[in-house]
PDB file of N, CA and C in Angstrom:
ATOM      1  N   UNK A   1      11.011   7.035  -3.215  1.00  0.00           N
ATOM      2  CA  UNK A   1      11.186   5.767  -3.791  1.00  0.00           C
ATOM      3  C   UNK A   1       9.791   5.358  -4.246  1.00  0.00           C
ATOM      4  N   UNK A   2       9.795   4.536  -5.364  1.00  0.00           N
ATOM      5  CA  UNK A   2       8.617   4.007  -5.835  1.00  0.00           C
ATOM      6  C   UNK A   2       8.509   2.462  -5.701  1.00  0.00           C
ATOM      7  N   UNK A   3       7.245   1.980  -5.452  1.00  0.00           N
ATOM      8  CA  UNK A   3       7.169   0.593  -5.170  1.00  0.00           C
ATOM      9  C   UNK A   3       5.918   0.153  -5.757  1.00  0.00           C
ATOM     10  N   UNK A   4       6.082  -1.100  -6.413  1.00  0.00           N
ATOM     11  CA  UNK A   4       4.956  -1.727  -7.085  1.00  0.00           C
ATOM     12  C   UNK A   4       4.168  -2.554  -6.076  1.00  0.00           C
ATOM     13  N   UNK A   5       2.810  -2.431  -5.983  1.00  0.00           N
ATOM     14  CA  UNK A   5       2.006  -3.257  -5.114  1.00  0.00           C
ATOM     15  C   UNK A   5       0.875  -3.946  -5.854  1.00  0.00           C
ATOM     16  N   UNK A   6       0.686  -5.292  -5.603  1.00  0.00           N
ATOM     17  CA  UNK A   6      -0.422  -5.892  -6.157  1.00  0.00           C
ATOM     18  C   UNK A   6      -1.399  -6.161  -5.052  1.00  0.00           C
ATOM     19  N   UNK A   7      -2.681  -5.700  -5.063  1.00  0.00           N
ATOM     20  CA  UNK A   7      -3.658  -5.712  -3.915  1.00  0.00           C
ATOM     21  C   UNK A   7      -4.727  -6.742  -4.249  1.00  0.00           C
ATOM     22  N   UNK A   8      -5.070  -7.465  -3.104  1.00  0.00           N
ATOM     23  CA  UNK A   8      -6.303  -8.248  -3.144  1.00  0.00           C
ATOM     24  C   UNK A   8      -7.112  -7.672  -2.012  1.00  0.00           C
ATOM     25  N   UNK A   9      -8.280  -7.192  -2.388  1.00  0.00           N
ATOM     26  CA  UNK A   9      -9.212  -6.575  -1.419  1.00  0.00           C
ATOM     27  C   UNK A   9     -10.312  -7.552  -1.054  1.00  0.00           C
ATOM     28  N   UNK A  10     -10.809  -7.424   0.250  1.00  0.00           N
ATOM     29  CA  UNK A  10     -11.799  -8.372   0.706  1.00  0.00           C
ATOM     30  C   UNK A  10     -11.354  -9.701   1.106  1.00  0.00           C
ATOM     31  N   UNK A  11     -10.084  -9.808   1.409  1.00  0.00           N
ATOM     32  CA  UNK A  11      -9.560 -11.060   1.814  1.00  0.00           C
ATOM     33  C   UNK A  11      -9.812 -11.430   3.299  1.00  0.00           C
ATOM     34  N   UNK A  12      -9.649 -12.683   3.690  1.00  0.00           N
ATOM     35  CA  UNK A  12      -9.895 -13.077   5.126  1.00  0.00           C
ATOM     36  C   UNK A  12      -8.862 -12.568   6.061  1.00  0.00           C
ATOM     37  N   UNK A  13      -7.633 -12.669   5.628  1.00  0.00           N
ATOM     38  CA  UNK A  13      -6.590 -12.105   6.373  1.00  0.00           C
ATOM     39  C   UNK A  13      -5.762 -11.038   5.730  1.00  0.00           C
ATOM     40  N   UNK A  14      -5.244 -10.218   6.544  1.00  0.00           N
ATOM     41  CA  UNK A  14      -4.287  -8.952   6.020  1.00  0.00           C
ATOM     42  C   UNK A  14      -2.837  -9.649   5.956  1.00  0.00           C
ATOM     43  N   UNK A  15      -2.159  -9.571   4.748  1.00  0.00           N
ATOM     44  CA  UNK A  15      -0.939  -9.938   4.595  1.00  0.00           C
ATOM     45  C   UNK A  15      -0.085  -9.094   3.801  1.00  0.00           C
ATOM     46  N   UNK A  16       1.010  -8.715   4.280  1.00  0.00           N
ATOM     47  CA  UNK A  16       1.982  -7.802   3.293  1.00  0.00           C
ATOM     48  C   UNK A  16       3.206  -8.861   3.028  1.00  0.00           C
ATOM     49  N   UNK A  17       3.325  -9.155   1.819  1.00  0.00           N
ATOM     50  CA  UNK A  17       4.368 -10.156   1.335  1.00  0.00           C
ATOM     51  C   UNK A  17       5.398  -9.341   0.459  1.00  0.00           C
ATOM     52  N   UNK A  18       6.643  -9.265   0.926  1.00  0.00           N
ATOM     53  CA  UNK A  18       7.587  -8.730  -0.075  1.00  0.00           C
ATOM     54  C   UNK A  18       7.931  -9.625  -1.210  1.00  0.00           C
ATOM     55  N   UNK A  19       8.046  -9.046  -2.265  1.00  0.00           N
ATOM     56  CA  UNK A  19       8.504  -9.815  -3.522  1.00  0.00           C
ATOM     57  C   UNK A  19       9.420  -8.879  -4.345  1.00  0.00           C
ATOM     58  N   UNK A  20      10.078  -9.366  -5.249  1.00  0.00           N
ATOM     59  CA  UNK A  20      11.040  -8.696  -6.031  1.00  0.00           C
ATOM     60  C   UNK A  20      10.467  -7.264  -6.702  1.00  0.00           C
ATOM     61  N   UNK A  21      10.887  -6.188  -6.266  1.00  0.00           N
ATOM     62  CA  UNK A  21      10.409  -5.035  -6.773  1.00  0.00           C
ATOM     63  C   UNK A  21       9.092  -4.378  -6.092  1.00  0.00           C
ATOM     64  N   UNK A  22       8.582  -5.129  -5.098  1.00  0.00           N
ATOM     65  CA  UNK A  22       7.406  -4.561  -4.482  1.00  0.00           C
ATOM     66  C   UNK A  22       6.825  -5.601  -3.465  1.00  0.00           C
ATOM     67  N   UNK A  23       5.482  -5.464  -3.402  1.00  0.00           N
ATOM     68  CA  UNK A  23       4.781  -6.281  -2.297  1.00  0.00           C
ATOM     69  C   UNK A  23       3.499  -6.886  -2.951  1.00  0.00           C
ATOM     70  N   UNK A  24       3.077  -7.956  -2.434  1.00  0.00           N
ATOM     71  CA  UNK A  24       1.770  -8.501  -2.575  1.00  0.00           C
ATOM     72  C   UNK A  24       1.119  -8.148  -1.324  1.00  0.00           C
ATOM     73  N   UNK A  25      -0.121  -7.592  -1.373  1.00  0.00           N
ATOM     74  CA  UNK A  25      -0.936  -7.102  -0.127  1.00  0.00           C
ATOM     75  C   UNK A  25      -2.287  -7.661  -0.227  1.00  0.00           C
ATOM     76  N   UNK A  26      -2.818  -8.269   0.787  1.00  0.00           N
ATOM     77  CA  UNK A  26      -4.204  -8.709   0.972  1.00  0.00           C
ATOM     78  C   UNK A  26      -4.697  -7.822   2.216  1.00  0.00           C
ATOM     79  N   UNK A  27      -5.880  -7.188   1.974  1.00  0.00           N
ATOM     80  CA  UNK A  27      -6.579  -6.471   3.011  1.00  0.00           C
ATOM     81  C   UNK A  27      -8.026  -6.919   3.135  1.00  0.00           C
ATOM     82  N   UNK A  28      -8.546  -6.788   4.331  1.00  0.00           N
ATOM     83  CA  UNK A  28      -9.760  -7.251   4.717  1.00  0.00           C
ATOM     84  C   UNK A  28     -10.905  -6.257   4.067  1.00  0.00           C
ATOM     85  N   UNK A  29     -10.489  -4.962   3.835  1.00  0.00           N
ATOM     86  CA  UNK A  29     -11.454  -3.910   3.454  1.00  0.00           C
ATOM     87  C   UNK A  29     -11.821  -4.142   1.957  1.00  0.00           C
ATOM     88  N   UNK A  30     -13.079  -3.843   1.618  1.00  0.00           N
ATOM     89  CA  UNK A  30     -13.482  -3.984   0.306  1.00  0.00           C
ATOM     90  C   UNK A  30     -13.030  -2.886  -0.581  1.00  0.00           C
ATOM     91  N   UNK A  31     -13.012  -3.121  -1.845  1.00  0.00           N
ATOM     92  CA  UNK A  31     -12.473  -2.133  -2.839  1.00  0.00           C
ATOM     93  C   UNK A  31     -13.548  -1.023  -3.098  1.00  0.00           C
ATOM     94  N   UNK A  32     -14.299  -0.507  -2.233  1.00  0.00           N
ATOM     95  CA  UNK A  32     -15.269   0.470  -2.226  1.00  0.00           C
ATOM     96  C   UNK A  32     -14.915   1.679  -1.439  1.00  0.00           C
ATOM     97  N   UNK A  33     -15.313   2.829  -1.886  1.00  0.00           N
ATOM     98  CA  UNK A  33     -15.117   4.181  -1.144  1.00  0.00           C
ATOM     99  C   UNK A  33     -13.669   4.267  -0.658  1.00  0.00           C
ATOM    100  N   UNK A  34     -12.625   3.725  -1.466  1.00  0.00           N
ATOM    101  CA  UNK A  34     -11.295   3.897  -1.156  1.00  0.00           C
ATOM    102  C   UNK A  34     -10.771   3.306   0.122  1.00  0.00           C
ATOM    103  N   UNK A  35     -11.586   2.436   0.699  1.00  0.00           N
ATOM    104  CA  UNK A  35     -11.216   1.691   1.936  1.00  0.00           C
ATOM    105  C   UNK A  35     -10.001   0.754   1.822  1.00  0.00           C
ATOM    106  N   UNK A  36     -10.012   0.032   0.752  1.00  0.00           N
ATOM    107  CA  UNK A  36      -8.848  -0.858   0.569  1.00  0.00           C
ATOM    108  C   UNK A  36      -7.572  -0.001   0.276  1.00  0.00           C
ATOM    109  N   UNK A  37      -7.594   0.981  -0.495  1.00  0.00           N
ATOM    110  CA  UNK A  37      -6.377   1.931  -0.653  1.00  0.00           C
ATOM    111  C   UNK A  37      -5.864   2.446   0.490  1.00  0.00           C
ATOM    112  N   UNK A  38      -6.706   3.035   1.451  1.00  0.00           N
ATOM    113  CA  UNK A  38      -6.332   3.563   2.660  1.00  0.00           C
ATOM    114  C   UNK A  38      -5.597   2.511   3.510  1.00  0.00           C
ATOM    115  N   UNK A  39      -6.143   1.318   3.627  1.00  0.00           N
ATOM    116  CA  UNK A  39      -5.435   0.352   4.336  1.00  0.00           C
ATOM    117  C   UNK A  39      -4.158  -0.122   3.832  1.00  0.00           C
ATOM    118  N   UNK A  40      -4.042  -0.241   2.423  1.00  0.00           N
ATOM    119  CA  UNK A  40      -2.746  -0.546   1.820  1.00  0.00           C
ATOM    120  C   UNK A  40      -1.721   0.529   2.140  1.00  0.00           C
ATOM    121  N   UNK A  41      -2.029   1.805   2.189  1.00  0.00           N
ATOM    122  CA  UNK A  41      -1.143   2.851   2.564  1.00  0.00           C
ATOM    123  C   UNK A  41      -0.760   2.686   4.064  1.00  0.00           C
ATOM    124  N   UNK A  42      -1.707   2.343   4.888  1.00  0.00           N
ATOM    125  CA  UNK A  42      -1.307   2.075   6.343  1.00  0.00           C
ATOM    126  C   UNK A  42      -0.346   1.002   6.529  1.00  0.00           C
ATOM    127  N   UNK A  43      -0.608  -0.200   5.713  1.00  0.00           N
ATOM    128  CA  UNK A  43       0.258  -1.305   5.946  1.00  0.00           C
ATOM    129  C   UNK A  43       1.690  -1.058   5.468  1.00  0.00           C
ATOM    130  N   UNK A  44       1.898  -0.372   4.297  1.00  0.00           N
ATOM    131  CA  UNK A  44       3.170  -0.012   3.773  1.00  0.00           C
ATOM    132  C   UNK A  44       3.900   0.910   4.643  1.00  0.00           C
ATOM    133  N   UNK A  45       3.118   1.907   5.327  1.00  0.00           N
ATOM    134  CA  UNK A  45       3.820   2.831   6.206  1.00  0.00           C
ATOM    135  C   UNK A  45       4.244   2.106   7.328  1.00  0.00           C
ATOM    136  N   UNK A  46       3.441   1.140   7.855  1.00  0.00           N
ATOM    137  CA  UNK A  46       3.840   0.411   9.031  1.00  0.00           C
ATOM    138  C   UNK A  46       5.029  -0.338   8.866  1.00  0.00           C
ATOM    139  N   UNK A  47       5.059  -0.900   7.604  1.00  0.00           N
ATOM    140  CA  UNK A  47       6.274  -1.877   7.231  1.00  0.00           C
ATOM    141  C   UNK A  47       7.539  -1.101   7.283  1.00  0.00           C
ATOM    142  N   UNK A  48       7.523   0.233   6.706  1.00  0.00           N
ATOM    143  CA  UNK A  48       8.749   1.066   6.647  1.00  0.00           C
ATOM    144  C   UNK A  48       8.815   1.992   8.015  1.00  0.00           C
ATOM    145  N   UNK A  49       7.945   1.804   8.936  1.00  0.00           N
ATOM    146  CA  UNK A  49       8.007   2.671  10.193  1.00  0.00           C
ATOM    147  C   UNK A  49       8.013   4.170   9.875  1.00  0.00           C
ATOM    148  N   UNK A  50       7.057   4.589   8.985  1.00  0.00           N
ATOM    149  CA  UNK A  50       6.796   6.059   8.723  1.00  0.00           C
ATOM    150  C   UNK A  50       5.427   6.368   8.865  1.00  0.00           C
ATOM    151  N   UNK A  51       5.163   7.643   8.738  1.00  0.00           N
ATOM    152  CA  UNK A  51       3.752   8.138   8.844  1.00  0.00           C
ATOM    153  C   UNK A  51       3.086   7.797   7.432  1.00  0.00           C
ATOM    154  N   UNK A  52       1.780   7.389   7.647  1.00  0.00           N
ATOM    155  CA  UNK A  52       0.986   7.147   6.393  1.00  0.00           C
ATOM    156  C   UNK A  52       0.925   8.373   5.459  1.00  0.00           C
ATOM    157  N   UNK A  53       1.131   9.558   5.933  1.00  0.00           N
ATOM    158  CA  UNK A  53       1.180  10.758   5.090  1.00  0.00           C
ATOM    159  C   UNK A  53       2.287  10.854   4.177  1.00  0.00           C
ATOM    160  N   UNK A  54       3.267   9.849   4.384  1.00  0.00           N
ATOM    161  CA  UNK A  54       4.507  10.030   3.436  1.00  0.00           C
ATOM    162  C   UNK A  54       4.326   8.883   2.333  1.00  0.00           C
ATOM    163  N   UNK A  55       3.241   8.204   2.347  1.00  0.00           N
ATOM    164  CA  UNK A  55       2.947   7.225   1.346  1.00  0.00           C
ATOM    165  C   UNK A  55       1.725   7.703   0.473  1.00  0.00           C
ATOM    166  N   UNK A  56       1.932   7.617  -0.824  1.00  0.00           N
ATOM    167  CA  UNK A  56       0.746   8.075  -1.701  1.00  0.00           C
ATOM    168  C   UNK A  56       0.750   7.153  -2.961  1.00  0.00           C
ATOM    169  N   UNK A  57      -0.443   7.051  -3.465  1.00  0.00           N
ATOM    170  CA  UNK A  57      -0.627   6.282  -4.666  1.00  0.00           C
ATOM    171  C   UNK A  57      -0.456   7.055  -5.914  1.00  0.00           C
ATOM    172  N   UNK A  58       0.563   6.737  -6.713  1.00  0.00           N
ATOM    173  CA  UNK A  58       0.854   7.563  -7.936  1.00  0.00           C
ATOM    174  C   UNK A  58       0.059   7.109  -9.040  1.00  0.00           C
ATOM    175  N   UNK A  59      -0.158   5.648  -9.284  1.00  0.00           N
ATOM    176  CA  UNK A  59      -0.814   5.142 -10.282  1.00  0.00           C
ATOM    177  C   UNK A  59      -1.678   3.939  -9.874  1.00  0.00           C
ATOM    178  N   UNK A  60      -2.773   3.706 -10.524  1.00  0.00           N
ATOM    179  CA  UNK A  60      -3.512   2.513 -10.204  1.00  0.00           C
ATOM    180  C   UNK A  60      -4.506   2.673  -9.106  1.00  0.00           C
ATOM    181  N   UNK A  61      -5.164   3.805  -8.980  1.00  0.00           N
ATOM    182  CA  UNK A  61      -6.242   4.050  -7.930  1.00  0.00           C
ATOM    183  C   UNK A  61      -7.363   3.120  -7.995  1.00  0.00           C
ATOM    184  N   UNK A  62      -7.797   2.704  -9.186  1.00  0.00           N
ATOM    185  CA  UNK A  62      -8.932   1.776  -9.418  1.00  0.00           C
ATOM    186  C   UNK A  62      -8.548   0.454  -9.834  1.00  0.00           C
ATOM    187  N   UNK A  63      -7.260   0.051  -9.784  1.00  0.00           N
ATOM    188  CA  UNK A  63      -6.782  -1.193 -10.327  1.00  0.00           C
ATOM    189  C   UNK A  63      -6.022  -2.016  -9.212  1.00  0.00           C
ATOM    190  N   UNK A  64      -5.874  -3.291  -9.299  1.00  0.00           N
ATOM    191  CA  UNK A  64      -5.236  -4.062  -8.249  1.00  0.00           C
ATOM    192  C   UNK A  64      -3.754  -3.807  -8.330  1.00  0.00           C
ATOM    193  N   UNK A  65      -3.188  -3.385  -9.383  1.00  0.00           N
ATOM    194  CA  UNK A  65      -1.709  -3.221  -9.501  1.00  0.00           C
ATOM    195  C   UNK A  65      -1.680  -1.647  -9.287  1.00  0.00           C
ATOM    196  N   UNK A  66      -0.767  -1.342  -8.377  1.00  0.00           N
ATOM    197  CA  UNK A  66      -0.564   0.142  -8.036  1.00  0.00           C
ATOM    198  C   UNK A  66       0.927   0.434  -8.043  1.00  0.00           C
ATOM    199  N   UNK A  67       1.185   1.671  -8.116  1.00  0.00           N
ATOM    200  CA  UNK A  67       2.547   2.139  -7.901  1.00  0.00           C
ATOM    201  C   UNK A  67       2.473   3.271  -6.741  1.00  0.00           C
ATOM    202  N   UNK A  68       3.278   3.009  -5.718  1.00  0.00           N
ATOM    203  CA  UNK A  68       3.119   3.882  -4.486  1.00  0.00           C
ATOM    204  C   UNK A  68       4.466   4.727  -4.439  1.00  0.00           C
ATOM    205  N   UNK A  69       4.374   5.914  -4.065  1.00  0.00           N
ATOM    206  CA  UNK A  69       5.566   6.803  -3.797  1.00  0.00           C
ATOM    207  C   UNK A  69       5.676   6.859  -2.204  1.00  0.00           C
ATOM    208  N   UNK A  70       6.940   6.423  -1.721  1.00  0.00           N
ATOM    209  CA  UNK A  70       7.260   6.473  -0.417  1.00  0.00           C
ATOM    210  C   UNK A  70       8.350   7.392  -0.127  1.00  0.00           C
ATOM    211  N   UNK A  71       8.113   8.471   0.774  1.00  0.00           N
ATOM    212  CA  UNK A  71       9.001   9.400   1.093  1.00  0.00           C
ATOM    213  C   UNK A  71       9.823   8.943   2.362  1.00  0.00           C
ATOM    214  N   UNK A  72      10.995   8.554   2.105  1.00  0.00           N
ATOM    215  CA  UNK A  72      11.945   8.005   3.275  1.00  0.00           C
ATOM    216  C   UNK A  72      12.793   9.093   3.934  1.00  0.00           C
ATOM    217  N   UNK A  73      12.692  10.391   3.513  1.00  0.00           N
ATOM    218  CA  UNK A  73      13.445  11.306   3.999  1.00  0.00           C
ATOM    219  C   UNK A  73      13.083  11.692   5.534  1.00  0.00           C
ATOM    220  N   UNK A  74      14.048  11.930   6.294  1.00  0.00           N
ATOM    221  CA  UNK A  74      13.783  12.209   7.760  1.00  0.00           C
ATOM    222  C   UNK A  74      13.447  13.695   7.913  1.00  0.00           C
ATOM    223  N   UNK A  75      12.527  14.010   8.699  1.00  0.00           N
ATOM    224  CA  UNK A  75      12.259  15.492   9.099  1.00  0.00           C
ATOM    225  C   UNK A  75      13.292  16.072   9.886  1.00  0.00           C
ATOM    226  N   UNK A  76      13.431  17.491   9.527  1.00  0.00           N
ATOM    227  CA  UNK A  76      14.468  18.159  10.347  1.00  0.00           C
ATOM    228  C   UNK A  76      13.994  18.848  11.566  1.00  0.00           C
TER     229      UNK A  76
END
């Protein structure tokens, strides 16, 4: 499944707010050295109760608007 995410890096509080078709995410980490992207992946994985390895950024690695791919299939 694909999810649209709008990220605010360097925020004072971490917040994951669902909205129509995706999420608004604020993370404390700066947008340098991929720190904010890693934290966004962790927060989305935590929201869906899956491993962070099942979430990946498909589009928008260097932009605030991102598209994430979330693998919701259960392991056998």
